Protein backbone atom coordinates (compact mmCIF):
# COMPACT_ATOMS: atom_id res chain seq x y z
CA THR A 1 -102.76 -3.42 96.73
CA ASN A 2 -101.71 -2.89 93.56
CA GLY A 3 -103.14 -6.46 92.09
CA ARG A 4 -100.04 -7.09 90.18
CA PRO A 5 -99.76 -10.89 89.31
CA THR A 6 -97.77 -12.79 91.66
CA GLY A 7 -97.08 -15.92 93.03
CA ALA A 8 -100.08 -18.16 92.72
CA PHE A 9 -101.76 -15.87 90.05
CA LEU A 10 -98.86 -15.87 88.27
CA THR A 11 -98.10 -19.18 87.78
CA LYS A 12 -101.77 -19.81 86.73
CA PHE A 13 -101.24 -17.76 83.62
CA SER A 14 -97.60 -18.57 82.73
CA GLN A 15 -98.04 -22.56 82.70
CA SER A 16 -100.58 -22.04 79.89
CA VAL A 17 -98.57 -19.65 78.12
CA VAL A 18 -96.87 -21.47 75.54
CA LYS A 19 -94.17 -19.88 72.65
CA MET A 20 -95.42 -20.68 69.14
CA LEU A 21 -92.79 -21.04 66.08
CA CYS A 22 -94.25 -21.21 62.98
CA PHE A 23 -92.98 -22.23 59.84
CA ALA A 24 -92.97 -19.16 57.44
CA ASP A 25 -93.27 -21.15 54.24
CA SER A 26 -93.29 -24.84 52.53
CA TYR A 27 -89.70 -24.12 51.24
CA SER A 28 -87.73 -23.27 54.10
CA ASP A 29 -87.22 -23.84 57.58
CA ASN A 30 -87.70 -19.93 58.24
CA MET A 31 -89.58 -19.89 61.54
CA ASN A 32 -92.04 -16.57 62.98
CA GLN A 33 -91.94 -16.36 66.78
CA GLY A 34 -95.29 -15.92 68.36
CA THR A 35 -97.51 -16.52 71.66
CA GLY A 36 -100.46 -19.04 72.47
CA VAL A 37 -102.87 -19.81 75.30
CA LEU A 38 -103.25 -23.30 75.96
CA TYR A 39 -106.63 -24.51 76.97
CA LYS A 40 -108.55 -27.51 77.69
CA THR A 41 -112.24 -28.30 77.51
CA SER A 42 -114.16 -30.94 78.22
CA GLY A 43 -116.53 -30.20 74.63
CA GLN A 44 -117.40 -31.67 71.99
CA SER A 45 -115.42 -29.38 69.71
CA ALA A 46 -113.48 -30.72 66.71
CA LEU A 47 -110.39 -28.86 68.62
CA ALA A 48 -111.11 -31.17 72.40
CA PRO A 49 -109.79 -31.65 74.49
CA PHE A 50 -106.85 -29.10 74.12
CA TYR A 51 -105.95 -26.19 71.93
CA ILE A 52 -104.11 -22.73 72.02
CA GLN A 53 -105.57 -19.49 70.83
CA THR A 54 -103.35 -17.34 69.13
CA ASN A 55 -103.14 -14.77 66.49
CA LEU A 56 -104.01 -15.81 63.09
CA HIS A 57 -100.88 -13.99 61.76
CA VAL A 58 -98.94 -15.83 63.88
CA VAL A 59 -99.76 -18.89 62.01
CA LEU A 60 -100.57 -18.25 58.67
CA THR A 61 -97.82 -19.24 55.86
CA ASP A 62 -96.05 -16.58 53.38
CA ASP A 63 -97.26 -19.05 50.37
CA ASN A 64 -100.33 -19.97 51.71
CA SER A 65 -99.61 -23.74 52.71
CA THR A 66 -100.83 -25.40 55.72
CA PRO A 67 -99.35 -23.92 58.75
CA SER A 68 -97.33 -26.02 60.69
CA CYS A 69 -95.96 -24.71 64.41
CA ILE A 70 -93.65 -25.79 67.51
CA VAL A 71 -95.43 -25.69 70.34
CA VAL A 72 -92.56 -24.81 73.41
CA LEU A 73 -94.26 -25.03 76.90
CA TYR A 74 -92.10 -23.93 79.95
CA PRO A 75 -93.39 -25.63 83.52
CA ASP A 76 -91.54 -22.92 85.02
CA TYR A 77 -91.50 -19.58 84.08
CA SER A 78 -88.01 -18.71 85.53
CA ASN A 79 -86.58 -21.65 84.28
CA SER A 80 -86.34 -21.42 80.03
CA ASP A 81 -83.60 -24.34 80.06
CA SER A 82 -86.64 -26.40 81.22
CA TYR A 83 -89.33 -27.02 78.38
CA LEU A 84 -92.06 -29.30 76.91
CA LEU A 85 -92.20 -29.84 72.93
CA PHE A 86 -95.82 -29.90 71.23
CA LYS A 87 -96.86 -29.28 67.61
CA SER A 88 -99.54 -28.01 65.77
CA THR A 89 -101.05 -28.17 62.13
CA GLY A 90 -103.42 -26.19 60.51
CA TYR A 91 -105.98 -23.87 62.42
CA ARG A 92 -109.72 -22.58 62.45
CA PHE A 93 -110.74 -19.38 62.92
CA PHE A 94 -113.71 -16.60 62.94
CA LYS A 95 -113.59 -14.67 60.20
CA ASP A 96 -110.73 -14.04 57.54
CA TYR A 97 -110.82 -10.39 58.86
CA ILE A 98 -110.56 -11.10 62.75
CA ASP A 99 -106.60 -11.50 63.89
CA THR A 100 -107.49 -14.78 65.52
CA ALA A 101 -106.88 -18.20 65.25
CA PHE A 102 -107.44 -21.75 67.15
CA VAL A 103 -105.36 -24.80 66.73
CA LYS A 104 -105.52 -28.40 67.91
CA VAL A 105 -102.64 -29.38 70.07
CA GLU A 106 -100.40 -32.59 68.82
CA ILE A 107 -98.07 -34.96 70.73
CA VAL A 108 -94.70 -34.84 68.97
CA ASP A 109 -93.98 -38.44 66.71
CA ASP A 110 -90.21 -38.89 67.54
CA THR A 111 -90.52 -40.78 70.63
CA THR A 112 -86.48 -40.07 70.67
CA ILE A 113 -86.95 -36.30 71.47
CA PRO A 114 -85.91 -35.64 75.31
CA ASN A 115 -88.39 -32.94 75.70
CA ARG A 116 -91.45 -34.43 74.10
CA GLY A 117 -94.41 -33.36 76.21
CA SER A 118 -97.17 -35.90 76.93
CA ILE A 119 -101.16 -35.78 77.22
CA GLN A 120 -100.74 -35.80 80.90
CA ASP A 121 -98.60 -32.77 80.65
CA LEU A 122 -101.51 -30.84 78.27
CA ASN A 123 -103.86 -31.88 81.08
CA LEU A 124 -101.45 -30.60 84.02
CA TYR A 125 -100.65 -27.12 82.18
CA ALA A 126 -103.32 -26.18 80.21
CA GLN A 127 -106.15 -23.39 81.25
CA ALA A 128 -109.70 -24.91 81.84
CA GLU A 129 -111.53 -23.31 79.47
CA SER A 130 -114.89 -23.22 82.02
CA GLU A 131 -112.72 -21.47 85.13
CA THR A 132 -111.54 -18.77 82.23
CA TYR A 133 -113.73 -15.59 81.91
CA TYR A 134 -113.69 -12.21 80.33
CA CYS A 135 -113.57 -9.16 81.98
CA SER A 136 -117.14 -7.94 82.39
CA ASP A 137 -116.32 -3.61 82.59
CA VAL A 138 -113.31 -2.41 81.08
CA LYS A 139 -112.48 1.22 81.48
CA ILE A 140 -110.09 3.79 80.16
CA GLY A 141 -107.24 3.78 83.14
CA ASP A 142 -107.77 -0.31 83.97
CA PRO A 143 -104.36 -1.84 84.85
CA LEU A 144 -103.72 -5.03 83.16
CA SER A 145 -100.87 -7.42 82.56
CA VAL A 146 -99.36 -8.86 79.26
CA PHE A 147 -98.00 -12.26 79.02
CA GLY A 148 -95.95 -13.17 75.98
CA TYR A 149 -92.21 -14.28 74.07
CA PRO A 150 -91.48 -11.35 72.30
CA ALA A 151 -88.99 -11.72 69.05
CA ILE A 152 -86.49 -10.27 71.04
CA GLY A 153 -85.66 -11.37 74.62
CA GLY A 154 -88.38 -13.96 74.36
CA LYS A 155 -86.40 -17.33 75.37
CA SER A 156 -88.15 -16.74 78.81
CA LEU A 157 -91.84 -15.46 79.50
CA THR A 158 -91.95 -11.57 79.59
CA LEU A 159 -94.57 -9.87 81.50
CA THR A 160 -95.34 -6.20 81.02
CA ASP A 161 -97.63 -4.20 82.66
CA GLY A 162 -99.58 -1.16 81.62
CA ILE A 163 -103.06 0.43 81.28
CA ILE A 164 -106.05 0.60 79.13
CA SER A 165 -105.95 4.16 77.24
CA GLY A 166 -108.58 3.89 74.82
CA VAL A 167 -110.66 2.17 72.17
CA GLU A 168 -110.52 1.31 68.56
CA THR A 169 -112.70 -0.26 66.02
CA ASP A 170 -111.50 -1.15 62.71
CA ASN A 171 -113.59 -0.68 59.28
CA ASN A 172 -115.21 -4.19 59.68
CA GLY A 173 -116.55 -3.89 63.58
CA VAL A 174 -113.29 -5.63 64.96
CA ARG A 175 -112.71 -3.98 68.29
CA TYR A 176 -109.41 -3.08 69.86
CA TYR A 177 -108.11 -1.55 73.13
CA LYS A 178 -105.15 0.51 72.82
CA THR A 179 -102.48 0.09 75.70
CA SER A 180 -99.62 1.29 77.29
CA ALA A 181 -98.11 -1.87 78.09
CA LYS A 182 -94.97 -3.03 75.54
CA ILE A 183 -96.80 -5.16 73.10
CA ASP A 184 -93.86 -6.55 70.78
CA HIS A 185 -93.43 -9.01 67.51
CA GLY A 186 -93.64 -12.60 69.55
CA ASN A 187 -95.84 -10.61 72.18
CA SER A 188 -98.92 -11.51 69.17
CA GLY A 189 -101.19 -14.50 70.06
CA GLY A 190 -100.62 -14.26 74.06
CA ILE A 191 -103.02 -13.19 77.04
CA ALA A 192 -103.91 -9.75 78.32
CA ILE A 193 -105.67 -9.76 81.71
CA GLY A 194 -106.97 -7.33 84.28
CA ASP A 195 -105.77 -7.49 87.73
CA SER A 196 -108.79 -9.85 88.68
CA GLY A 197 -107.52 -12.26 86.40
CA CYS A 198 -110.14 -11.43 84.17
CA VAL A 199 -109.05 -12.11 80.47
CA ILE A 200 -109.43 -8.55 78.63
CA GLY A 201 -108.40 -9.67 75.08
CA ILE A 202 -105.28 -11.04 72.98
CA PRO A 203 -102.15 -8.87 72.48
CA THR A 204 -101.60 -8.15 68.74
CA PHE A 205 -98.85 -6.15 66.69
CA VAL A 206 -100.65 -4.81 64.07
CA GLN A 207 -98.35 -4.86 61.35
CA GLN A 208 -99.90 -2.82 58.76
CA GLY A 209 -103.24 -1.11 57.99
CA GLU A 210 -105.18 1.90 59.48
CA LEU A 211 -103.98 1.00 63.27
CA GLU A 212 -100.37 1.82 62.35
CA SER A 213 -97.65 -0.70 63.29
CA ILE A 214 -98.08 -0.61 66.96
CA GLY A 215 -99.55 -2.76 70.19
CA ARG A 216 -103.26 -3.17 70.70
CA ILE A 217 -105.17 -5.54 72.62
CA LEU A 218 -108.03 -7.61 70.44
CA ASP A 219 -111.21 -7.62 72.42
CA LEU A 220 -112.29 -11.06 72.69
CA LYS A 221 -115.32 -10.49 74.61
CA TYR A 222 -116.92 -8.34 72.20
CA VAL A 223 -115.70 -10.41 68.99
CA LEU A 224 -117.62 -13.39 70.39
CA ASN A 225 -120.52 -11.64 71.67
CA ASN A 226 -120.88 -9.38 68.42
CA ILE A 227 -119.31 -11.21 65.27
CA LYS A 228 -120.86 -14.63 63.91
């Protein structure tokens, strides 16, 4: 088989991939669109029991104010008219030079909002952290799939396929995979998976710097194992 994610495999990931609409600053209603992955954990961390993993640049504000985001969860990836709303405030991160952020998911305060999500919804659709595993051996030519909500056409979940086409390391020692899969504004912060269902990393639209303006996949396993 070609290993493309279909059926239950697609549903498993698609339900936990959320759209992030984050305020660009504290003085306007301008919002930036990105993607995140909803996880649940049984641990005792400050982010327990539910958190979203995304790119740091998705949540950062232009005026350095506290980030505030609307989180949109789609239980059925094929129906963009049915969704659940949550929110997040602030973030945690590894290092400020690593484009990764973790935000705690919160219930929307206004009980009159018809699409307001619940704790039960989070528990139903979040990926179990304990059941998520990283690809142990990623090679050039390996196929992958990218889940996200690109700014153009990002009302519904978008899945793009490609291969690992190379590896790059920036000046801080952060490793990225080059890929032929389409990664655009809004895809940032989603998830790139291998055909076996293992996580390769975080799709990242690199906006400036030595990697130029092009899509890359942040090698999250390398970050977790090598950068403290």
